[in-house]
Amino acid sequence: MPAIVIGGIKVTNVSGNGTVNMGDVLQIAPKSTTKSNSGAGGGNTGDFLQTNTFCSVTNTVDPDVLDAGVKGNN
């Protein structure tokens, strides 16, 4: 099945082991995972952003030991 893209596509940065897939893909599996903590609006990306945050509290407590295993994806 062909991919039909309506509108513009902007790829800002693909580095390291990054991959950009357009069209049909049978399986996409991550090779590595990371965890990051950021406050309100900290992960926003775009050209013209305006964030208004009165108060931001980030809970970094993580009681579980493992979040996602990717051993079988390599």
C-alpha atoms as a PDB file:
ATOM      1  CA  MET A   1       0.000   0.000   0.000  1.00  0.00           C
ATOM      2  CA  PRO A   2       1.647   3.276  -1.034  1.00  0.00           C
ATOM      3  CA  ALA A   3       2.033   6.187   1.347  1.00  0.00           C
ATOM      4  CA  ILE A   4       0.196   9.374   0.497  1.00  0.00           C
ATOM      5  CA  VAL A   5       1.607  12.432   2.228  1.00  0.00           C
ATOM      6  CA  ILE A   6      -0.561  15.523   2.204  1.00  0.00           C
ATOM      7  CA  GLY A   7       1.214  18.601   3.500  1.00  0.00           C
ATOM      8  CA  GLY A   8       4.795  19.313   4.378  1.00  0.00           C
ATOM      9  CA  ILE A   9       7.255  17.130   6.233  1.00  0.00           C
ATOM     10  CA  LYS A  10       9.991  18.616   8.388  1.00  0.00           C
ATOM     11  CA  VAL A  11      12.762  16.376   9.713  1.00  0.00           C
ATOM     12  CA  THR A  12      14.971  18.528  11.899  1.00  0.00           C
ATOM     13  CA  ASN A  13      17.632  16.037  12.946  1.00  0.00           C
ATOM     14  CA  VAL A  14      18.244  12.323  12.496  1.00  0.00           C
ATOM     15  CA  SER A  15      21.575  11.233  13.934  1.00  0.00           C
ATOM     16  CA  GLY A  16      23.198   8.143  15.359  1.00  0.00           C
ATOM     17  CA  ASN A  17      20.929   5.165  14.769  1.00  0.00           C
ATOM     18  CA  GLY A  18      17.908   7.275  13.815  1.00  0.00           C
ATOM     19  CA  THR A  19      15.619   6.132  11.027  1.00  0.00           C
ATOM     20  CA  VAL A  20      12.890   7.936   9.132  1.00  0.00           C
ATOM     21  CA  ASN A  21      10.313   5.582   7.618  1.00  0.00           C
ATOM     22  CA  MET A  22       7.747   6.679   5.066  1.00  0.00           C
ATOM     23  CA  GLY A  23       5.457   4.162   3.468  1.00  0.00           C
ATOM     24  CA  ASP A  24       4.741   0.596   4.424  1.00  0.00           C
ATOM     25  CA  VAL A  25       6.728  -0.893   7.285  1.00  0.00           C
ATOM     26  CA  LEU A  26       6.254  -4.466   8.468  1.00  0.00           C
ATOM     27  CA  GLN A  27       7.684  -4.044  11.945  1.00  0.00           C
ATOM     28  CA  ILE A  28       9.235  -1.170  13.875  1.00  0.00           C
ATOM     29  CA  ALA A  29      11.019  -2.181  17.075  1.00  0.00           C
ATOM     30  CA  PRO A  30      13.225   0.073  19.215  1.00  0.00           C
ATOM     31  CA  LYS A  31      16.856  -0.925  19.655  1.00  0.00           C
ATOM     32  CA  SER A  32      17.351   1.148  22.787  1.00  0.00           C
ATOM     33  CA  THR A  33      15.264   3.099  25.269  1.00  0.00           C
ATOM     34  CA  THR A  34      15.864   6.113  27.481  1.00  0.00           C
ATOM     35  CA  LYS A  35      13.912   7.852  30.189  1.00  0.00           C
ATOM     36  CA  SER A  36      13.869  11.593  30.733  1.00  0.00           C
ATOM     37  CA  ASN A  37      12.100  13.886  33.162  1.00  0.00           C
ATOM     38  CA  SER A  38      11.082  17.401  32.201  1.00  0.00           C
ATOM     39  CA  GLY A  39       8.688  19.971  33.584  1.00  0.00           C
ATOM     40  CA  ALA A  40       5.567  21.372  31.996  1.00  0.00           C
ATOM     41  CA  GLY A  41       6.270  22.333  28.398  1.00  0.00           C
ATOM     42  CA  GLY A  42       9.840  21.032  28.578  1.00  0.00           C
ATOM     43  CA  GLY A  43       9.403  18.511  25.777  1.00  0.00           C
ATOM     44  CA  ASN A  44       7.542  20.736  23.350  1.00  0.00           C
ATOM     45  CA  THR A  45       9.040  21.111  19.886  1.00  0.00           C
ATOM     46  CA  GLY A  46       8.001  23.331  17.044  1.00  0.00           C
ATOM     47  CA  ASP A  47       8.679  26.541  15.196  1.00  0.00           C
ATOM     48  CA  PHE A  48       6.539  29.063  17.095  1.00  0.00           C
ATOM     49  CA  LEU A  49       5.937  27.980  20.692  1.00  0.00           C
ATOM     50  CA  GLN A  50       4.603  29.927  23.616  1.00  0.00           C
ATOM     51  CA  THR A  51       4.141  28.149  26.933  1.00  0.00           C
ATOM     52  CA  ASN A  52       2.662  29.746  30.018  1.00  0.00           C
ATOM     53  CA  THR A  53       3.252  27.680  33.146  1.00  0.00           C
ATOM     54  CA  PHE A  54       2.289  28.987  36.552  1.00  0.00           C
ATOM     55  CA  CYS A  55       3.611  26.048  38.556  1.00  0.00           C
ATOM     56  CA  SER A  56       5.439  22.906  37.466  1.00  0.00           C
ATOM     57  CA  VAL A  57       6.323  19.918  39.648  1.00  0.00           C
ATOM     58  CA  THR A  58       7.953  16.820  38.144  1.00  0.00           C
ATOM     59  CA  ASN A  59       7.681  13.534  40.034  1.00  0.00           C
ATOM     60  CA  THR A  60      10.863  11.525  39.404  1.00  0.00           C
ATOM     61  CA  VAL A  61      10.052   8.611  41.743  1.00  0.00           C
ATOM     62  CA  ASP A  62      10.115   5.357  39.782  1.00  0.00           C
ATOM     63  CA  PRO A  63       9.251   2.356  41.982  1.00  0.00           C
ATOM     64  CA  ASP A  64       9.526  -0.302  39.249  1.00  0.00           C
ATOM     65  CA  VAL A  65      12.926  -1.676  38.326  1.00  0.00           C
ATOM     66  CA  LEU A  66      12.460  -2.337  34.607  1.00  0.00           C
ATOM     67  CA  ASP A  67      10.246  -0.318  32.276  1.00  0.00           C
ATOM     68  CA  ALA A  68      10.681  -1.835  28.820  1.00  0.00           C
ATOM     69  CA  GLY A  69      12.960  -4.610  27.683  1.00  0.00           C
ATOM     70  CA  VAL A  70      14.467  -4.411  24.200  1.00  0.00           C
ATOM     71  CA  LYS A  71      16.797  -7.409  24.402  1.00  0.00           C
ATOM     72  CA  GLY A  72      14.894  -9.361  21.760  1.00  0.00           C
ATOM     73  CA  ASN A  73      14.852  -6.441  19.297  1.00  0.00           C
ATOM     74  CA  ASN A  74      18.588  -6.422  18.562  1.00  0.00           C
END
